[in-house]
Every structure is written in structure tokens, then in C-alpha cells.
Amino acid sequence: MLSGFIKFILGFFLAIAVLIGGGVAIGLYFFNRTGIPPAKPVFSNDSPSVKAQAPKATQPGGAKPTLTPGTKAESSPNPNSTPTESPKATPSPKPLPSGAYRGRVSWREGLSLRSQPNQEAEKIGGVTFNQKIIILEENQDKSWQKIRLEGSEQEGWVKAGNTQKVDEKPEDTQKPER
């Protein structure tokens, strides 16, 4: 009889230990899964340099060279190939509209670009941290700013207070640091 009672007690404690161990393992699994941040969304205007790397010259026979982002087209050693054009100087930036100024995004997570100056408006894109922008105007209560992405024609509204004005200094008048 005493042997049966000891077996019962040991079985009871073993069952409790298995339940506690299983609960802790499941809890740690879910805590670790929720602790992983989701992937950052990628907007079409996040990497304009990839779009700018379109192949410009064709190889003999009309085939275009295949470029992957981050690679450069090299001239072929074939004597029949035509030389590629040298890059042209970039045009000077167009003048800003009156009252507009250059800035950058100061909110680390980036901003949602909206079609109207309110939180319920349609999202039309995004702006990343430190991205250069042009602040065009503010709404009447100065809680939203209309911006244009620098180097693009895309415009939209972002919450005010998440941008920072950038001092403009012409490059040729800056003195080198010593």
C-alpha cells in the first residue's frame, strides 16, 4: 500500500513538471516570435538609383546587356562595338516655389505620404529617414506639411514635426575644413 501511494505522488509531481515545462517552452516560443520586428516595407521610390541604371548601349546584334543593381556596364573588347556616350552633367535643380524650402525626414521610422492632410486619407507612398524632400506648404493649423520628394515629382502630405529644414549653401562658396 505504501508503495502504491509513493508511485501516485511521484506520478503526480512528474505530471506537474511536464505541464510546467511544456507551458514554459510554448510561452518562450510565442514570446520570441512576437519579439521579431516585421520586415520594413519597400516603396517604389525608396531606391531611385536602381531605376537609373537602365542599360543605355546595345551589344552587336541588338541584344541589350543585362545589369543587376550595383553593377556597371563594361565595354566589350569586341572591335566592332560602338563606344558608349560619356555621362552628361546633371542639370541644375529647378528653383523652388515661393515659400518652399529644402528639408529632410527626421522621424527614424520614416513617414507615410498621404493624399490629403488627415490621418484617414489614402496612403500614396512613403518617405524614409533622412530622405531629402522639399516642403511646399503647411495646412492652416500647421499640423500637416505638403512635401515633394527631391528628384521626383511625387507630392503628398506628412505630419508636421517629423521633418527638419536643411541649410542650403552653394558648394563653390563653402570653405574646406582644416
N, C-alpha and C. Protein backbone atom coordinates (compact mmCIF):
# COMPACT_ATOMS: atom_id res chain seq x y z
N MET A 1 0.81 -1.18 0.00
CA MET A 1 0.00 0.00 0.00
C MET A 1 0.86 1.25 0.00
N LEU A 2 1.91 1.24 0.81
CA LEU A 2 2.79 2.40 0.85
C LEU A 2 3.48 2.59 -0.49
N SER A 3 3.81 1.53 -1.16
CA SER A 3 4.46 1.59 -2.46
C SER A 3 3.53 2.21 -3.50
N GLY A 4 2.26 1.91 -3.48
CA GLY A 4 1.29 2.49 -4.42
C GLY A 4 1.12 3.99 -4.18
N PHE A 5 1.11 4.38 -2.91
CA PHE A 5 0.97 5.80 -2.57
C PHE A 5 2.18 6.61 -3.05
N ILE A 6 3.37 6.07 -2.90
CA ILE A 6 4.61 6.75 -3.37
C ILE A 6 4.60 6.87 -4.89
N LYS A 7 4.15 5.80 -5.55
CA LYS A 7 4.06 5.87 -7.01
C LYS A 7 3.07 6.96 -7.44
N PHE A 8 1.94 7.06 -6.73
CA PHE A 8 0.95 8.09 -7.05
C PHE A 8 1.53 9.49 -6.88
N ILE A 9 2.20 9.75 -5.80
CA ILE A 9 2.80 11.05 -5.53
C ILE A 9 3.87 11.38 -6.57
N LEU A 10 4.75 10.43 -6.86
CA LEU A 10 5.79 10.67 -7.87
C LEU A 10 5.17 10.93 -9.25
N GLY A 11 4.14 10.17 -9.60
CA GLY A 11 3.45 10.38 -10.88
C GLY A 11 2.80 11.75 -10.95
N PHE A 12 2.20 12.17 -9.83
CA PHE A 12 1.57 13.49 -9.77
C PHE A 12 2.60 14.60 -9.98
N PHE A 13 3.72 14.54 -9.28
CA PHE A 13 4.77 15.56 -9.43
C PHE A 13 5.40 15.53 -10.82
N LEU A 14 5.55 14.35 -11.39
CA LEU A 14 6.08 14.23 -12.74
C LEU A 14 5.12 14.88 -13.76
N ALA A 15 3.84 14.67 -13.59
CA ALA A 15 2.84 15.27 -14.49
C ALA A 15 2.87 16.80 -14.36
N ILE A 16 2.95 17.30 -13.15
CA ILE A 16 3.03 18.75 -12.93
C ILE A 16 4.29 19.31 -13.59
N ALA A 17 5.42 18.62 -13.45
CA ALA A 17 6.68 19.09 -14.04
C ALA A 17 6.58 19.11 -15.57
N VAL A 18 5.97 18.10 -16.16
CA VAL A 18 5.80 18.06 -17.63
C VAL A 18 4.91 19.21 -18.09
N LEU A 19 3.81 19.45 -17.39
CA LEU A 19 2.90 20.55 -17.75
C LEU A 19 3.60 21.91 -17.64
N ILE A 20 4.32 22.13 -16.57
CA ILE A 20 5.03 23.40 -16.38
C ILE A 20 6.11 23.56 -17.45
N GLY A 21 6.89 22.51 -17.70
CA GLY A 21 7.94 22.59 -18.72
C GLY A 21 7.36 22.86 -20.11
N GLY A 22 6.28 22.19 -20.45
CA GLY A 22 5.63 22.42 -21.75
C GLY A 22 5.08 23.83 -21.86
N GLY A 23 4.48 24.33 -20.80
CA GLY A 23 3.94 25.70 -20.79
C GLY A 23 5.04 26.74 -20.96
N VAL A 24 6.16 26.53 -20.28
CA VAL A 24 7.29 27.46 -20.40
C VAL A 24 7.85 27.42 -21.82
N ALA A 25 7.98 26.23 -22.40
CA ALA A 25 8.51 26.11 -23.77
C ALA A 25 7.58 26.80 -24.77
N ILE A 26 6.28 26.59 -24.64
CA ILE A 26 5.33 27.24 -25.55
C ILE A 26 5.35 28.75 -25.35
N GLY A 27 5.39 29.19 -24.10
CA GLY A 27 5.45 30.63 -23.83
C GLY A 27 6.69 31.27 -24.42
N LEU A 28 7.86 30.65 -24.25
CA LEU A 28 9.09 31.20 -24.82
C LEU A 28 9.03 31.25 -26.35
N TYR A 29 8.44 30.22 -26.95
CA TYR A 29 8.32 30.20 -28.41
C TYR A 29 7.51 31.40 -28.89
N PHE A 30 6.34 31.64 -28.29
CA PHE A 30 5.49 32.74 -28.74
C PHE A 30 6.09 34.10 -28.39
N PHE A 31 6.74 34.23 -27.24
CA PHE A 31 7.39 35.49 -26.90
C PHE A 31 8.50 35.81 -27.90
N ASN A 32 9.28 34.81 -28.28
CA ASN A 32 10.34 35.04 -29.26
C ASN A 32 9.77 35.37 -30.64
N ARG A 33 8.67 34.75 -31.03
CA ARG A 33 8.06 35.04 -32.34
C ARG A 33 7.51 36.45 -32.39
N THR A 34 6.94 36.94 -31.30
CA THR A 34 6.38 38.30 -31.30
C THR A 34 7.46 39.34 -31.10
N GLY A 35 8.63 38.95 -30.67
CA GLY A 35 9.72 39.90 -30.47
C GLY A 35 10.47 40.25 -31.74
N ILE A 36 10.23 39.51 -32.82
CA ILE A 36 10.91 39.78 -34.09
C ILE A 36 10.14 40.88 -34.83
N PRO A 37 10.79 42.02 -35.13
CA PRO A 37 10.06 43.09 -35.84
C PRO A 37 9.74 42.67 -37.27
N PRO A 38 8.61 43.14 -37.80
CA PRO A 38 8.25 42.78 -39.17
C PRO A 38 9.21 43.43 -40.17
N ALA A 39 9.25 42.90 -41.37
CA ALA A 39 10.12 43.45 -42.41
C ALA A 39 9.68 44.86 -42.75
N LYS A 40 10.64 45.74 -43.00
CA LYS A 40 10.35 47.12 -43.36
C LYS A 40 9.75 47.15 -44.76
N PRO A 41 8.64 47.89 -44.95
CA PRO A 41 8.04 47.94 -46.29
C PRO A 41 8.97 48.67 -47.26
N VAL A 42 8.97 48.22 -48.49
CA VAL A 42 9.78 48.85 -49.52
C VAL A 42 8.86 49.54 -50.50
N PHE A 43 9.03 50.84 -50.65
CA PHE A 43 8.21 51.63 -51.56
C PHE A 43 8.94 51.80 -52.88
N SER A 44 8.19 52.09 -53.93
CA SER A 44 8.79 52.20 -55.26
C SER A 44 9.80 53.34 -55.35
N ASN A 45 9.69 54.33 -54.50
CA ASN A 45 10.61 55.46 -54.56
C ASN A 45 11.77 55.34 -53.57
N ASP A 46 11.91 54.18 -52.92
CA ASP A 46 12.99 54.01 -51.94
C ASP A 46 14.37 53.96 -52.57
N SER A 47 14.51 53.37 -53.73
CA SER A 47 15.83 53.24 -54.33
C SER A 47 15.80 53.71 -55.78
N PRO A 48 15.81 55.03 -55.99
CA PRO A 48 15.79 55.54 -57.36
C PRO A 48 17.05 55.19 -58.14
N SER A 49 18.15 54.84 -57.47
CA SER A 49 19.39 54.51 -58.17
C SER A 49 19.25 53.22 -58.98
N VAL A 50 18.38 52.30 -58.55
CA VAL A 50 18.18 51.06 -59.29
C VAL A 50 17.50 51.36 -60.62
N LYS A 51 16.51 52.28 -60.60
CA LYS A 51 15.81 52.64 -61.83
C LYS A 51 16.74 53.35 -62.80
N ALA A 52 17.68 54.14 -62.26
CA ALA A 52 18.56 54.94 -63.09
C ALA A 52 19.62 54.10 -63.79
N GLN A 53 19.78 52.84 -63.43
CA GLN A 53 20.83 52.01 -64.00
C GLN A 53 20.33 51.20 -65.19
N ALA A 54 19.42 51.75 -65.96
CA ALA A 54 18.93 51.05 -67.14
C ALA A 54 20.04 50.98 -68.17
N PRO A 55 20.14 49.87 -68.93
CA PRO A 55 21.19 49.75 -69.94
C PRO A 55 20.99 50.79 -71.04
N LYS A 56 22.08 51.44 -71.45
CA LYS A 56 22.00 52.51 -72.43
C LYS A 56 22.52 52.07 -73.79
N ALA A 57 23.50 51.23 -73.83
CA ALA A 57 24.09 50.82 -75.10
C ALA A 57 23.67 49.39 -75.41
N THR A 58 23.59 49.08 -76.69
CA THR A 58 23.25 47.72 -77.07
C THR A 58 24.49 47.02 -77.59
N GLN A 59 24.51 45.73 -77.43
CA GLN A 59 25.63 44.96 -77.94
C GLN A 59 25.37 44.64 -79.42
N PRO A 60 26.41 44.27 -80.16
CA PRO A 60 26.20 43.92 -81.56
C PRO A 60 25.15 42.82 -81.68
N GLY A 61 24.28 42.97 -82.66
CA GLY A 61 23.22 42.01 -82.83
C GLY A 61 21.94 42.46 -82.16
N GLY A 62 21.94 43.61 -81.52
CA GLY A 62 20.73 44.18 -80.93
C GLY A 62 20.43 43.70 -79.52
N ALA A 63 21.23 42.82 -78.94
CA ALA A 63 20.96 42.32 -77.59
C ALA A 63 21.42 43.35 -76.57
N LYS A 64 20.55 43.59 -75.59
CA LYS A 64 20.92 44.54 -74.55
C LYS A 64 21.66 43.82 -73.45
N PRO A 65 22.69 44.45 -72.84
CA PRO A 65 23.39 43.80 -71.74
C PRO A 65 22.47 43.71 -70.53
N THR A 66 22.62 42.68 -69.74
CA THR A 66 21.83 42.50 -68.54
C THR A 66 22.62 43.08 -67.37
N LEU A 67 21.96 43.99 -66.65
CA LEU A 67 22.60 44.61 -65.49
C LEU A 67 21.81 44.25 -64.26
N THR A 68 22.50 43.98 -63.18
CA THR A 68 21.86 43.82 -61.90
C THR A 68 22.19 45.06 -61.09
N PRO A 69 21.33 45.41 -60.11
CA PRO A 69 21.61 46.61 -59.32
C PRO A 69 22.99 46.53 -58.69
N GLY A 70 23.73 47.63 -58.77
CA GLY A 70 25.06 47.71 -58.16
C GLY A 70 26.17 47.33 -59.11
N THR A 71 25.85 46.91 -60.34
CA THR A 71 26.90 46.59 -61.30
C THR A 71 26.92 47.65 -62.38
N LYS A 72 28.06 47.76 -63.05
CA LYS A 72 28.22 48.75 -64.10
C LYS A 72 28.43 48.01 -65.42
N ALA A 73 27.97 48.67 -66.50
CA ALA A 73 28.18 48.07 -67.81
C ALA A 73 29.63 48.28 -68.22
N GLU A 74 30.27 47.23 -68.69
CA GLU A 74 31.65 47.34 -69.13
C GLU A 74 31.67 47.25 -70.65
N SER A 75 32.60 47.97 -71.27
CA SER A 75 32.67 47.90 -72.72
C SER A 75 33.28 46.58 -73.12
N SER A 76 32.77 46.04 -74.20
CA SER A 76 33.23 44.73 -74.64
C SER A 76 34.53 44.89 -75.43
N PRO A 77 35.42 43.90 -75.37
CA PRO A 77 36.67 44.00 -76.10
C PRO A 77 36.48 43.79 -77.60
N ASN A 78 35.26 43.56 -78.04
CA ASN A 78 34.97 43.34 -79.45
C ASN A 78 35.29 44.60 -80.24
N PRO A 79 36.10 44.54 -81.31
CA PRO A 79 36.46 45.75 -82.05
C PRO A 79 35.27 46.33 -82.83
N ASN A 80 34.21 45.57 -83.01
CA ASN A 80 33.05 46.07 -83.75
C ASN A 80 32.08 46.85 -82.88
N SER A 81 32.28 46.83 -81.56
CA SER A 81 31.33 47.51 -80.68
C SER A 81 31.53 49.03 -80.76
N THR A 82 30.45 49.73 -80.54
CA THR A 82 30.50 51.20 -80.59
C THR A 82 30.76 51.71 -79.19
N PRO A 83 31.50 52.81 -79.08
CA PRO A 83 31.76 53.36 -77.74
C PRO A 83 30.48 53.93 -77.15
N THR A 84 30.40 53.85 -75.82
CA THR A 84 29.23 54.39 -75.14
C THR A 84 29.44 55.88 -74.89
N GLU A 85 28.31 56.57 -74.75
CA GLU A 85 28.38 58.02 -74.50
C GLU A 85 28.93 58.28 -73.11
N SER A 86 29.66 59.37 -72.98
CA SER A 86 30.13 59.75 -71.66
C SER A 86 28.96 60.38 -70.91
N PRO A 87 28.92 60.25 -69.58
CA PRO A 87 27.80 60.82 -68.84
C PRO A 87 27.74 62.33 -69.00
N LYS A 88 26.52 62.83 -69.09
CA LYS A 88 26.30 64.28 -69.22
C LYS A 88 26.18 64.89 -67.84
N ALA A 89 26.49 66.16 -67.75
CA ALA A 89 26.38 66.86 -66.48
C ALA A 89 24.91 66.90 -66.08
N THR A 90 24.66 66.75 -64.79
CA THR A 90 23.28 66.79 -64.33
C THR A 90 22.78 68.22 -64.37
N PRO A 91 21.54 68.42 -64.79
CA PRO A 91 21.03 69.78 -64.86
C PRO A 91 20.90 70.35 -63.46
N SER A 92 21.02 71.66 -63.36
CA SER A 92 20.90 72.29 -62.05
C SER A 92 19.47 72.14 -61.57
N PRO A 93 19.28 72.00 -60.25
CA PRO A 93 17.93 71.80 -59.74
C PRO A 93 17.05 72.99 -60.06
N LYS A 94 15.77 72.70 -60.35
CA LYS A 94 14.89 73.81 -60.69
C LYS A 94 14.61 74.63 -59.44
N PRO A 95 14.33 75.92 -59.63
CA PRO A 95 14.12 76.79 -58.47
C PRO A 95 12.88 76.34 -57.68
N LEU A 96 12.94 76.58 -56.38
CA LEU A 96 11.85 76.19 -55.50
C LEU A 96 10.67 77.16 -55.66
N PRO A 97 9.45 76.68 -55.49
CA PRO A 97 8.30 77.58 -55.50
C PRO A 97 8.41 78.56 -54.33
N SER A 98 7.72 79.67 -54.41
CA SER A 98 7.83 80.68 -53.37
C SER A 98 7.30 80.12 -52.04
N GLY A 99 8.04 80.33 -50.97
CA GLY A 99 7.68 79.84 -49.65
C GLY A 99 8.15 78.42 -49.37
N ALA A 100 8.63 77.73 -50.37
CA ALA A 100 9.09 76.35 -50.18
C ALA A 100 10.55 76.34 -49.72
N TYR A 101 10.94 75.26 -49.07
CA TYR A 101 12.33 75.12 -48.63
C TYR A 101 12.72 73.65 -48.62
N ARG A 102 14.01 73.38 -48.65
CA ARG A 102 14.51 72.01 -48.65
C ARG A 102 14.58 71.50 -47.21
N GLY A 103 14.39 70.19 -47.09
CA GLY A 103 14.43 69.59 -45.77
C GLY A 103 14.78 68.12 -45.88
N ARG A 104 14.67 67.45 -44.74
CA ARG A 104 14.90 66.00 -44.69
C ARG A 104 13.97 65.44 -43.64
N VAL A 105 13.71 64.14 -43.73
CA VAL A 105 12.83 63.45 -42.78
C VAL A 105 13.63 63.16 -41.52
N SER A 106 13.13 63.59 -40.37
CA SER A 106 13.84 63.38 -39.11
C SER A 106 13.23 62.26 -38.27
N TRP A 107 12.13 61.68 -38.70
CA TRP A 107 11.50 60.59 -37.96
C TRP A 107 12.14 59.28 -38.37
N ARG A 108 12.74 58.55 -37.41
CA ARG A 108 13.56 57.37 -37.71
C ARG A 108 12.82 56.25 -38.44
N GLU A 109 11.54 56.10 -38.21
CA GLU A 109 10.79 55.02 -38.87
C GLU A 109 10.31 55.41 -40.26
N GLY A 110 10.56 56.65 -40.69
CA GLY A 110 10.04 57.11 -41.98
C GLY A 110 8.60 57.57 -41.83
N LEU A 111 8.05 58.11 -42.90
CA LEU A 111 6.71 58.69 -42.85
C LEU A 111 5.84 58.12 -43.96
N SER A 112 4.53 58.11 -43.70
CA SER A 112 3.56 57.75 -44.74
C SER A 112 3.19 59.02 -45.49
N LEU A 113 3.21 58.92 -46.80
CA LEU A 113 2.82 60.03 -47.66
C LEU A 113 1.33 59.87 -47.94
N ARG A 114 0.54 60.90 -47.64
CA ARG A 114 -0.92 60.80 -47.78
C ARG A 114 -1.43 61.79 -48.82
N SER A 115 -2.61 61.47 -49.37
CA SER A 115 -3.17 62.29 -50.44
C SER A 115 -3.79 63.58 -49.90
N GLN A 116 -4.24 63.59 -48.66
CA GLN A 116 -4.85 64.75 -48.02
C GLN A 116 -4.25 64.93 -46.63
N PRO A 117 -4.37 66.14 -46.06
CA PRO A 117 -3.77 66.37 -44.73
C PRO A 117 -4.63 65.85 -43.58
N ASN A 118 -4.87 64.54 -43.54
CA ASN A 118 -5.53 63.94 -42.38
C ASN A 118 -5.15 62.47 -42.29
N GLN A 119 -5.32 61.92 -41.09
CA GLN A 119 -4.85 60.56 -40.79
C GLN A 119 -5.62 59.49 -41.56
N GLU A 120 -6.87 59.77 -41.94
CA GLU A 120 -7.69 58.77 -42.64
C GLU A 120 -7.49 58.82 -44.15
N ALA A 121 -6.71 59.75 -44.66
CA ALA A 121 -6.51 59.89 -46.11
C ALA A 121 -5.74 58.70 -46.66
N GLU A 122 -5.89 58.48 -47.96
CA GLU A 122 -5.23 57.36 -48.64
C GLU A 122 -3.72 57.51 -48.59
N LYS A 123 -3.03 56.39 -48.29
CA LYS A 123 -1.57 56.38 -48.32
C LYS A 123 -1.13 56.26 -49.77
N ILE A 124 -0.29 57.19 -50.23
CA ILE A 124 0.15 57.16 -51.63
C ILE A 124 1.63 56.85 -51.76
N GLY A 125 2.29 56.58 -50.65
CA GLY A 125 3.71 56.25 -50.69
C GLY A 125 4.32 56.39 -49.32
N GLY A 126 5.64 56.46 -49.32
CA GLY A 126 6.36 56.58 -48.07
C GLY A 126 7.65 57.35 -48.26
N VAL A 127 8.16 57.87 -47.18
CA VAL A 127 9.41 58.63 -47.18
C VAL A 127 10.28 58.04 -46.09
N THR A 128 11.54 57.73 -46.41
CA THR A 128 12.43 57.10 -45.44
C THR A 128 13.18 58.13 -44.61
N PHE A 129 13.77 57.66 -43.52
CA PHE A 129 14.55 58.52 -42.63
C PHE A 129 15.70 59.16 -43.41
N ASN A 130 15.92 60.43 -43.18
CA ASN A 130 16.98 61.24 -43.79
C ASN A 130 16.80 61.47 -45.29
N GLN A 131 15.65 61.10 -45.85
CA GLN A 131 15.43 61.33 -47.28
C GLN A 131 15.24 62.82 -47.51
N LYS A 132 15.83 63.33 -48.60
CA LYS A 132 15.72 64.74 -48.93
C LYS A 132 14.36 65.02 -49.53
N ILE A 133 13.74 66.11 -49.05
CA ILE A 133 12.41 66.50 -49.51
C ILE A 133 12.36 68.00 -49.71
N ILE A 134 11.30 68.46 -50.33
CA ILE A 134 11.02 69.89 -50.46
C ILE A 134 9.69 70.14 -49.78
N ILE A 135 9.68 71.00 -48.76
CA ILE A 135 8.45 71.33 -48.05
C ILE A 135 7.79 72.46 -48.83
N LEU A 136 6.60 72.19 -49.37
CA LEU A 136 5.92 73.14 -50.24
C LEU A 136 5.01 74.09 -49.46
N GLU A 137 4.24 73.53 -48.52
CA GLU A 137 3.30 74.36 -47.75
C GLU A 137 2.87 73.62 -46.51
N GLU A 138 2.12 74.32 -45.65
CA GLU A 138 1.53 73.72 -44.46
C GLU A 138 0.04 73.99 -44.47
N ASN A 139 -0.75 73.11 -43.80
CA ASN A 139 -2.18 73.39 -43.72
C ASN A 139 -2.42 74.53 -42.73
N GLN A 140 -3.68 74.94 -42.56
CA GLN A 140 -3.97 76.14 -41.76
C GLN A 140 -3.54 76.01 -40.31
N ASP A 141 -3.74 74.85 -39.69
CA ASP A 141 -3.35 74.73 -38.29
C ASP A 141 -1.91 74.22 -38.12
N LYS A 142 -1.17 74.15 -39.23
CA LYS A 142 0.26 73.79 -39.25
C LYS A 142 0.53 72.41 -38.66
N SER A 143 -0.45 71.50 -38.75
CA SER A 143 -0.25 70.14 -38.24
C SER A 143 0.19 69.18 -39.36
N TRP A 144 0.08 69.60 -40.61
CA TRP A 144 0.48 68.78 -41.76
C TRP A 144 1.30 69.63 -42.72
N GLN A 145 2.24 68.98 -43.42
CA GLN A 145 3.07 69.66 -44.41
C GLN A 145 2.93 68.96 -45.75
N LYS A 146 2.78 69.76 -46.81
CA LYS A 146 2.77 69.18 -48.16
C LYS A 146 4.21 69.17 -48.63
N ILE A 147 4.67 68.00 -49.08
CA ILE A 147 6.06 67.85 -49.49
C ILE A 147 6.15 67.29 -50.90
N ARG A 148 7.31 67.47 -51.51
CA ARG A 148 7.66 66.81 -52.77
C ARG A 148 8.95 66.08 -52.52
N LEU A 149 9.02 64.85 -53.01
CA LEU A 149 10.26 64.08 -52.87
C LEU A 149 11.30 64.67 -53.81
N GLU A 150 12.49 64.96 -53.28
CA GLU A 150 13.55 65.55 -54.10
C GLU A 150 13.97 64.57 -55.18
N GLY A 151 14.08 65.07 -56.42
CA GLY A 151 14.44 64.21 -57.54
C GLY A 151 13.24 63.48 -58.10
N SER A 152 12.04 63.83 -57.68
CA SER A 152 10.83 63.17 -58.13
C SER A 152 9.73 64.23 -58.22
N GLU A 153 8.67 63.88 -58.86
CA GLU A 153 7.52 64.79 -58.94
C GLU A 153 6.43 64.37 -57.97
N GLN A 154 6.67 63.32 -57.15
CA GLN A 154 5.64 62.83 -56.24
C GLN A 154 5.47 63.80 -55.08
N GLU A 155 4.21 64.17 -54.84
CA GLU A 155 3.87 65.07 -53.76
C GLU A 155 2.84 64.42 -52.86
N GLY A 156 2.81 64.85 -51.60
CA GLY A 156 1.83 64.34 -50.66
C GLY A 156 1.96 65.06 -49.32
N TRP A 157 1.15 64.64 -48.38
CA TRP A 157 1.10 65.27 -47.06
C TRP A 157 1.71 64.35 -46.01
N VAL A 158 2.48 64.94 -45.07
CA VAL A 158 3.04 64.22 -43.92
C VAL A 158 2.75 65.02 -42.66
N LYS A 159 2.75 64.34 -41.51
CA LYS A 159 2.54 65.04 -40.23
C LYS A 159 3.68 66.01 -39.98
N ALA A 160 3.33 67.22 -39.55
CA ALA A 160 4.34 68.23 -39.24
C ALA A 160 5.12 67.80 -38.00
N GLY A 161 6.35 68.29 -37.88
CA GLY A 161 7.19 67.97 -36.74
C GLY A 161 8.09 66.78 -36.99
N ASN A 162 7.93 66.14 -38.14
CA ASN A 162 8.74 64.97 -38.47
C ASN A 162 9.77 65.28 -39.55
N THR A 163 9.90 66.56 -39.88
CA THR A 163 10.86 66.99 -40.88
C THR A 163 11.76 68.05 -40.28
N GLN A 164 12.87 68.28 -40.95
CA GLN A 164 13.84 69.27 -40.46
C GLN A 164 14.33 70.08 -41.65
N LYS A 165 14.40 71.38 -41.49
CA LYS A 165 14.89 72.25 -42.56
C LYS A 165 16.40 72.01 -42.74
N VAL A 166 16.83 72.01 -44.01
CA VAL A 166 18.24 71.81 -44.34
C VAL A 166 18.80 73.14 -44.83
N ASP A 167 19.93 73.55 -44.23
CA ASP A 167 20.57 74.79 -44.68
C ASP A 167 21.13 74.59 -46.07
N GLU A 168 20.85 75.54 -46.95
CA GLU A 168 21.36 75.46 -48.32
C GLU A 168 22.58 76.35 -48.45
N LYS A 169 23.68 75.76 -48.85
CA LYS A 169 24.90 76.51 -49.09
C LYS A 169 25.43 76.08 -50.45
N PRO A 170 25.66 77.00 -51.35
CA PRO A 170 26.24 76.60 -52.63
C PRO A 170 27.60 75.95 -52.40
N GLU A 171 27.86 74.89 -53.15
CA GLU A 171 29.09 74.12 -52.95
C GLU A 171 30.35 74.92 -53.26
N ASP A 172 30.28 75.81 -54.25
CA ASP A 172 31.50 76.53 -54.62
C ASP A 172 31.86 77.62 -53.61
N THR A 173 30.94 78.02 -52.72
CA THR A 173 31.27 79.04 -51.73
C THR A 173 31.67 78.45 -50.38
N GLN A 174 31.54 77.14 -50.24
CA GLN A 174 31.94 76.53 -48.98
C GLN A 174 33.45 76.47 -48.89
N LYS A 175 33.95 76.74 -47.71
CA LYS A 175 35.39 76.69 -47.49
C LYS A 175 35.75 75.29 -46.99
N PRO A 176 36.84 74.74 -47.47
CA PRO A 176 37.23 73.41 -46.97
C PRO A 176 37.61 73.47 -45.50
N GLU A 177 37.27 72.40 -44.78
CA GLU A 177 37.61 72.34 -43.36
C GLU A 177 39.09 72.02 -43.21
N ARG A 178 39.70 72.56 -42.19
CA ARG A 178 41.13 72.33 -41.95
C ARG A 178 41.32 71.70 -40.62
